[in-house]
Amino acid sequence: MAQRISPQSSTLFLLLLSIFQQTEMMSSDYSTPIDTPEGAPPAETKEQSTPSTLVEGAAVTLVKEGTKDEGVHYSAQLRSDWCIGVVPHGGYLTTVLINVSTHYFIHSSVAKALDQPHAIHSALTFITRCSIGPATIHVTPLKLGRQYSFVRIVLRQNGHVCIDATITHACISRETGATLETRGMGAYPDLPDRVRDCKEMRLSQDPSLVFRVATSKLKYCFPIEGKYGFGRAGMGPSIREQWVALDDGSGKRFGVADLGFLCDMFIPIPENYPQTKRLHWYPTLSLSLDVKALPPKEGWEWLYCRIESSVIRGGRMDIDVVICDEDSNIVAISRHVAVVVDSARNTAKQAPVAKL
């Protein structure tokens, strides 16, 4: 897997997605047809369907700021090049919501005086699948405190709630209290050296990776001694290890909001197993992200991810992700619950609104 998806292949895929969206609903068991919600930008244009950076793809727009009880309304345009199949990627959506909460705490008249710019914990429930196109996002404060504050963020399309999230904000540099030595403090044990122990790989034109077009937004280094996509020798198939850097054409390094995308971007664990040979889709039911540290001023260039599933049973799996910097310090921890379904569910034809 030494070749990256070609620009021609990526452009063709995005064009097919655009045509598909005009004729079919972006649907699975938790799908809704998409009309342009009130206050949202117009449907994606041909120019907007071209490849975008994470900053562009996850951009949000302030629509209306109400009173404290009314909250603040935002809009976003969910982009086709940040999809798995025809469904916006869950980690990408997490970055969109973190961008919303960050804007709220930096700019809203209600919260900006608190000086709490960092989304230290995000908990998202994916209720109904999202689709390419406009979305409305509503922020309401649950509690605004001197040290920690909590907001509820709801993303809707066509009037239906797609994601319900609670995001906690603080100022990490002002956090005080007990600091105790743990296994994760200082150097995280036994990380593979990115240069000595790993090999950089770009995505090929493997059909499964073209289906997962959002995976082309990163470049990857995998351990040399382990089977491709696994951890190092001796680690079973329920573990993956990877070093990753942004590769979205921006030249940008990772910041805090980008951890939302990163914590959910990896080749799925079940594909290490021979029982899942055909193409599957792994929609997220819930995702949490706990940010432990701030990046340097220039951002994190490379970050290490250790991905592990403890139980995969009955089509449902847990996923734990530990993210470390190049000094082996933990910068974030994430936990997911996801399901394993046939990839046809990702591109199913229009169906009634349904819940999982």
Protein backbone atom coordinates (compact mmCIF):
# COMPACT_ATOMS: atom_id res chain seq x y z
CA MET A 1 0.00 0.00 0.00
CA ALA A 2 2.64 2.48 -1.11
CA GLN A 3 0.61 4.73 -3.42
CA ARG A 4 -1.65 7.57 -2.40
CA ILE A 5 -5.11 7.95 -3.92
CA SER A 6 -4.58 9.93 -7.09
CA PRO A 7 -6.20 13.37 -7.45
CA GLN A 8 -8.10 12.05 -10.49
CA SER A 9 -9.48 9.11 -8.49
CA SER A 10 -10.46 11.36 -5.59
CA THR A 11 -12.13 13.90 -7.90
CA LEU A 12 -14.08 11.16 -9.69
CA PHE A 13 -15.24 9.76 -6.38
CA LEU A 14 -16.42 13.18 -5.19
CA LEU A 15 -18.28 13.72 -8.49
CA LEU A 16 -20.06 10.39 -8.07
CA LEU A 17 -21.01 11.40 -4.55
CA SER A 18 -22.49 14.65 -5.85
CA ILE A 19 -24.56 12.82 -8.46
CA PHE A 20 -25.65 10.25 -5.90
CA GLN A 21 -26.85 12.93 -3.51
CA GLN A 22 -29.19 14.37 -6.14
CA THR A 23 -30.96 11.05 -6.62
CA GLU A 24 -30.77 9.19 -3.33
CA MET A 25 -30.87 9.79 0.37
CA MET A 26 -27.72 9.37 2.40
CA SER A 27 -29.28 6.51 4.30
CA SER A 28 -28.94 3.60 6.69
CA ASP A 29 -31.02 2.51 9.64
CA TYR A 30 -30.67 5.98 11.08
CA SER A 31 -31.20 8.24 8.07
CA THR A 32 -33.30 11.24 7.13
CA PRO A 33 -33.76 13.08 3.85
CA ILE A 34 -32.06 16.45 3.89
CA ASP A 35 -33.75 19.74 3.09
CA THR A 36 -31.97 23.04 3.61
CA PRO A 37 -32.59 23.90 7.28
CA GLU A 38 -33.57 27.44 8.17
CA GLY A 39 -30.49 29.58 8.71
CA ALA A 40 -28.13 27.07 7.05
CA PRO A 41 -26.02 27.80 3.97
CA PRO A 42 -27.35 26.64 0.59
CA ALA A 43 -26.81 23.10 -0.66
CA GLU A 44 -23.25 22.19 -1.60
CA THR A 45 -22.16 23.72 -4.87
CA LYS A 46 -19.83 22.16 -7.39
CA GLU A 47 -16.98 24.29 -6.02
CA GLN A 48 -17.76 23.25 -2.44
CA SER A 49 -17.61 19.56 -3.37
CA THR A 50 -13.94 19.87 -4.36
CA PRO A 51 -11.34 18.63 -1.85
CA SER A 52 -11.05 20.84 1.23
CA THR A 53 -8.71 21.21 4.19
CA LEU A 54 -9.93 20.34 7.67
CA VAL A 55 -10.14 24.06 8.49
CA GLU A 56 -12.38 24.59 5.45
CA GLY A 57 -14.39 21.41 5.78
CA ALA A 58 -15.14 21.85 9.50
CA ALA A 59 -15.80 25.60 9.34
CA VAL A 60 -18.86 26.94 11.15
CA THR A 61 -20.79 30.19 10.77
CA LEU A 62 -22.53 32.20 13.46
CA VAL A 63 -26.20 32.61 12.52
CA LYS A 64 -27.83 34.18 15.57
CA GLU A 65 -26.90 34.88 19.18
CA GLY A 66 -29.82 34.97 21.58
CA THR A 67 -30.07 35.38 25.31
CA LYS A 68 -28.34 32.98 27.66
CA ASP A 69 -31.45 30.78 27.76
CA GLU A 70 -32.00 30.98 23.99
CA GLY A 71 -28.43 29.99 23.19
CA VAL A 72 -26.50 30.55 19.99
CA HIS A 73 -27.26 29.20 16.51
CA TYR A 74 -24.58 28.19 14.00
CA SER A 75 -24.56 26.62 10.56
CA ALA A 76 -22.14 24.29 8.83
CA GLN A 77 -21.74 22.76 5.40
CA LEU A 78 -20.84 19.06 5.72
CA ARG A 79 -18.44 18.26 2.92
CA SER A 80 -18.31 15.19 0.69
CA ASP A 81 -14.54 14.72 0.92
CA TRP A 82 -14.80 14.14 4.69
CA CYS A 83 -17.04 11.11 4.31
CA ILE A 84 -16.96 7.37 4.70
CA GLY A 85 -18.91 6.34 1.64
CA VAL A 86 -21.58 9.02 1.46
CA VAL A 87 -21.86 9.64 5.22
CA PRO A 88 -19.85 12.40 6.96
CA HIS A 89 -17.17 10.84 9.14
CA GLY A 90 -17.86 10.80 12.90
CA GLY A 91 -14.47 12.23 13.86
CA TYR A 92 -14.88 15.02 11.31
CA LEU A 93 -18.28 15.83 12.85
CA THR A 94 -16.63 15.87 16.28
CA THR A 95 -14.20 18.53 15.05
CA VAL A 96 -17.14 20.53 13.66
CA LEU A 97 -18.83 20.54 17.08
CA ILE A 98 -15.60 21.39 18.92
CA ASN A 99 -15.19 24.33 16.53
CA VAL A 100 -18.69 25.46 17.50
CA SER A 101 -18.05 25.21 21.24
CA THR A 102 -14.68 26.95 20.90
CA HIS A 103 -16.23 29.84 18.98
CA TYR A 104 -18.97 30.08 21.62
CA PHE A 105 -16.50 30.36 24.50
CA ILE A 106 -14.21 32.79 22.71
CA HIS A 107 -16.78 35.09 21.11
CA SER A 108 -20.24 34.83 22.70
CA SER A 109 -21.28 37.65 24.98
CA VAL A 110 -22.35 35.13 27.62
CA ALA A 111 -19.15 33.05 27.85
CA LYS A 112 -16.16 34.98 26.51
CA ALA A 113 -15.38 36.65 29.85
CA LEU A 114 -14.80 33.22 31.40
CA ASP A 115 -11.58 32.74 29.39
CA GLN A 116 -12.18 29.00 28.89
CA PRO A 117 -11.07 28.38 25.30
CA HIS A 118 -10.23 24.67 25.53
CA ALA A 119 -12.68 21.82 24.91
CA ILE A 120 -11.25 19.47 27.54
CA HIS A 121 -13.99 16.83 27.25
CA SER A 122 -16.48 16.06 24.50
CA ALA A 123 -19.22 13.42 24.68
CA LEU A 124 -21.23 12.85 21.50
CA THR A 125 -24.20 10.60 20.83
CA PHE A 126 -24.88 9.94 17.15
CA ILE A 127 -28.64 9.57 17.06
CA THR A 128 -29.38 9.85 13.36
CA ARG A 129 -26.86 9.74 10.58
CA CYS A 130 -25.75 12.96 8.97
CA SER A 131 -25.65 13.67 5.24
CA ILE A 132 -23.59 15.83 2.93
CA GLY A 133 -24.95 19.36 2.90
CA PRO A 134 -26.17 22.04 5.29
CA ALA A 135 -26.67 21.55 9.00
CA THR A 136 -27.85 23.77 11.84
CA ILE A 137 -26.17 23.65 15.23
CA HIS A 138 -27.60 25.02 18.48
CA VAL A 139 -25.53 25.72 21.61
CA THR A 140 -27.12 26.15 25.04
CA PRO A 141 -25.21 26.53 28.32
CA LEU A 142 -25.82 23.88 30.96
CA LYS A 143 -23.54 25.50 33.53
CA LEU A 144 -21.07 28.34 33.21
CA GLY A 145 -18.57 28.19 36.07
CA ARG A 146 -15.33 29.88 37.07
CA GLN A 147 -13.19 26.77 36.46
CA TYR A 148 -15.27 24.48 34.25
CA SER A 149 -18.29 25.14 32.03
CA PHE A 150 -20.64 22.81 30.20
CA VAL A 151 -22.65 23.35 27.03
CA ARG A 152 -25.11 21.20 25.13
CA ILE A 153 -24.68 21.19 21.37
CA VAL A 154 -27.31 19.73 19.03
CA LEU A 155 -26.73 19.26 15.29
CA ARG A 156 -29.86 19.00 13.15
CA GLN A 157 -30.59 18.31 9.51
CA ASN A 158 -34.09 18.52 8.05
CA GLY A 159 -35.41 19.27 11.52
CA HIS A 160 -34.15 15.96 12.91
CA VAL A 161 -31.59 15.70 15.71
CA CYS A 162 -28.53 13.93 14.31
CA ILE A 163 -25.99 14.50 17.11
CA ASP A 164 -26.51 15.44 20.75
CA ALA A 165 -23.31 16.43 22.54
CA THR A 166 -22.11 17.80 25.85
CA ILE A 167 -18.77 19.61 25.73
CA THR A 168 -16.83 20.78 28.78
CA HIS A 169 -14.59 23.83 28.55
CA ALA A 170 -11.79 25.15 30.74
CA CYS A 171 -8.43 26.87 30.47
CA ILE A 172 -5.91 24.02 30.66
CA SER A 173 -3.03 26.31 31.59
CA ARG A 174 -4.95 27.50 34.65
CA GLU A 175 -5.97 24.09 35.99
CA THR A 176 -4.77 23.56 39.55
CA GLY A 177 -4.96 20.72 42.03
CA ALA A 178 -3.40 17.34 42.66
CA THR A 179 -0.95 15.99 40.09
CA LEU A 180 -0.05 12.35 40.78
CA GLU A 181 2.29 10.03 38.93
CA THR A 182 0.48 7.40 36.83
CA ARG A 183 1.41 4.97 34.10
CA GLY A 184 0.52 7.60 31.54
CA MET A 185 2.53 10.43 33.11
CA GLY A 186 5.79 11.39 31.46
CA ALA A 187 6.88 9.01 28.74
CA TYR A 188 4.13 6.58 27.72
CA PRO A 189 5.81 3.17 27.85
CA ASP A 190 7.23 1.46 24.81
CA LEU A 191 6.09 3.55 21.85
CA PRO A 192 7.49 2.43 18.49
CA ASP A 193 10.01 4.94 17.20
CA ARG A 194 8.44 6.61 14.18
CA VAL A 195 11.69 6.76 12.18
CA ARG A 196 13.47 3.59 13.30
CA ASP A 197 10.56 1.18 13.87
CA CYS A 198 7.91 2.36 11.41
CA LYS A 199 7.40 2.83 7.70
CA GLU A 200 5.46 5.70 6.16
CA MET A 201 2.65 4.55 3.89
CA ARG A 202 0.26 6.42 1.62
CA LEU A 203 -3.15 5.15 0.65
CA SER A 204 -3.51 3.03 -2.47
CA GLN A 205 -6.44 2.70 -4.83
CA ASP A 206 -7.76 -0.23 -2.82
CA PRO A 207 -11.58 0.00 -3.28
CA SER A 208 -12.13 -0.11 0.50
CA LEU A 209 -9.94 2.96 0.95
CA VAL A 210 -11.58 4.86 -1.91
CA PHE A 211 -14.88 4.13 -0.13
CA ARG A 212 -13.30 5.71 2.95
CA VAL A 213 -12.24 8.88 1.18
CA ALA A 214 -11.70 10.75 4.48
CA THR A 215 -8.76 8.46 5.27
CA SER A 216 -6.73 10.24 2.57
CA LYS A 217 -6.58 13.35 4.79
CA LEU A 218 -3.77 11.83 6.90
CA LYS A 219 -0.41 10.26 6.21
CA TYR A 220 0.47 7.19 8.23
CA CYS A 221 3.47 5.37 9.67
CA PHE A 222 2.92 1.75 10.73
CA PRO A 223 5.25 -0.55 12.69
CA ILE A 224 7.52 -2.43 10.29
CA GLU A 225 7.73 -5.69 12.23
CA GLY A 226 3.98 -6.16 12.64
CA LYS A 227 1.54 -7.27 9.98
CA TYR A 228 0.27 -4.25 8.02
CA GLY A 229 -2.24 -2.30 10.05
CA PHE A 230 -1.65 -4.32 13.23
CA GLY A 231 0.46 -3.31 16.17
CA ARG A 232 3.97 -4.64 16.60
CA ALA A 233 4.83 -8.31 16.64
CA GLY A 234 3.18 -10.06 19.56
CA MET A 235 0.13 -7.77 19.56
CA GLY A 236 -3.07 -9.49 18.52
CA PRO A 237 -5.45 -8.32 15.79
CA SER A 238 -7.54 -6.34 18.30
CA ILE A 239 -4.79 -3.68 18.48
CA ARG A 240 -3.56 -1.19 15.90
CA GLU A 241 -0.71 1.30 16.17
CA GLN A 242 -0.06 4.26 13.92
CA TRP A 243 1.78 7.54 13.72
CA VAL A 244 -0.20 10.13 11.76
CA ALA A 245 0.20 13.67 10.40
CA LEU A 246 -2.31 15.93 8.66
CA ASP A 247 -2.17 15.55 4.89
CA ASP A 248 -5.10 17.69 3.76
CA GLY A 249 -3.12 20.11 1.62
CA SER A 250 -3.03 22.86 4.24
CA GLY A 251 0.46 22.32 5.62
CA LYS A 252 -1.16 22.69 9.03
CA ARG A 253 -0.29 20.72 12.16
CA PHE A 254 -2.74 19.25 14.65
CA GLY A 255 -4.49 21.51 17.17
CA VAL A 256 -6.98 20.64 19.91
CA ALA A 257 -10.07 20.68 17.66
CA ASP A 258 -8.33 18.40 15.15
CA LEU A 259 -8.11 15.68 17.79
CA GLY A 260 -11.82 15.09 17.19
CA PHE A 261 -11.07 13.90 13.66
CA LEU A 262 -7.88 12.11 14.60
CA CYS A 263 -9.35 10.05 17.45
CA ASP A 264 -11.75 8.38 14.99
CA MET A 265 -9.51 7.99 11.95
CA PHE A 266 -7.96 4.54 11.64
CA ILE A 267 -8.47 1.39 9.62
CA PRO A 268 -11.21 -0.43 11.57
CA ILE A 269 -10.07 -3.15 13.97
CA PRO A 270 -12.44 -5.84 12.57
CA GLU A 271 -10.56 -5.73 9.27
CA ASN A 272 -7.63 -7.39 10.99
CA TYR A 273 -9.80 -10.52 11.16
CA PRO A 274 -10.44 -12.98 8.31
CA GLN A 275 -14.12 -13.19 9.29
CA THR A 276 -14.72 -9.66 7.96
CA LYS A 277 -13.32 -10.02 4.46
CA ARG A 278 -16.01 -8.10 2.57
CA LEU A 279 -16.37 -4.34 2.84
CA HIS A 280 -18.09 -3.17 6.01
CA TRP A 281 -19.15 0.12 7.54
CA TYR A 282 -18.60 0.95 11.21
CA PRO A 283 -20.97 3.77 12.25
CA THR A 284 -20.30 5.32 15.64
CA LEU A 285 -23.02 5.25 18.30
CA SER A 286 -21.13 7.33 20.85
CA LEU A 287 -17.72 8.94 21.18
CA SER A 288 -15.91 10.69 24.01
CA LEU A 289 -12.68 12.67 23.84
CA ASP A 290 -10.65 13.71 26.90
CA VAL A 291 -7.92 16.26 26.08
CA LYS A 292 -4.94 16.10 28.44
CA ALA A 293 -2.51 18.66 27.01
CA LEU A 294 -2.18 21.63 24.70
CA PRO A 295 -0.03 21.54 21.57
CA PRO A 296 3.08 23.69 21.15
CA LYS A 297 2.48 26.99 19.37
CA GLU A 298 3.28 25.44 16.00
CA GLY A 299 0.96 22.45 16.64
CA TRP A 300 1.69 18.71 16.74
CA GLU A 301 3.24 17.50 13.50
CA TRP A 302 3.05 13.77 14.26
CA LEU A 303 0.90 12.00 16.83
CA TYR A 304 0.93 8.36 17.88
CA CYS A 305 -2.36 6.45 18.23
CA ARG A 306 -2.87 3.12 19.94
CA ILE A 307 -6.28 1.69 19.05
CA GLU A 308 -7.71 -1.32 20.86
CA SER A 309 -11.02 -3.17 21.10
CA SER A 310 -11.76 -5.22 24.20
CA VAL A 311 -15.00 -6.88 23.07
CA ILE A 312 -16.45 -7.28 19.57
CA ARG A 313 -19.68 -9.21 19.95
CA GLY A 314 -23.03 -9.29 18.18
CA GLY A 315 -22.00 -6.59 15.74
CA ARG A 316 -21.14 -4.06 18.47
CA MET A 317 -17.66 -3.08 19.61
CA ASP A 318 -15.85 -0.78 22.01
CA ILE A 319 -12.77 1.13 20.87
CA ASP A 320 -10.19 2.78 23.13
CA VAL A 321 -7.73 5.25 21.61
CA VAL A 322 -4.65 6.69 23.33
CA ILE A 323 -2.97 9.61 21.53
CA CYS A 324 0.62 10.62 22.36
CA ASP A 325 3.04 13.26 21.13
CA GLU A 326 6.58 12.63 19.91
CA ASP A 327 7.87 12.91 23.46
CA SER A 328 5.63 9.97 24.42
CA ASN A 329 3.31 12.14 26.52
CA ILE A 330 -0.41 11.39 26.41
CA VAL A 331 -2.28 14.31 24.84
CA ALA A 332 -5.76 12.74 24.58
CA ILE A 333 -7.79 9.63 25.36
CA SER A 334 -10.91 8.60 23.48
CA ARG A 335 -13.54 5.88 23.83
CA HIS A 336 -16.06 4.83 21.18
CA VAL A 337 -18.99 2.48 20.78
CA ALA A 338 -19.56 1.45 17.17
CA VAL A 339 -21.41 -1.21 15.19
CA VAL A 340 -20.34 -3.44 12.31
CA VAL A 341 -22.75 -3.40 9.35
CA ASP A 342 -22.56 -4.17 5.66
CA SER A 343 -21.24 -1.27 3.57
CA ALA A 344 -24.45 -1.35 1.51
CA ARG A 345 -26.17 0.25 4.52
CA ASN A 346 -24.03 3.33 3.95
CA THR A 347 -25.42 3.93 0.46
CA ALA A 348 -28.92 2.48 0.79
CA LYS A 349 -31.76 4.09 -1.13
CA GLN A 350 -34.27 6.43 0.46
CA ALA A 351 -36.07 4.91 3.42
CA PRO A 352 -38.32 6.17 6.20
CA VAL A 353 -36.73 7.85 9.18
CA ALA A 354 -35.63 5.10 11.56
CA LYS A 355 -33.65 4.71 14.72
CA LEU A 356 -30.92 2.19 15.43
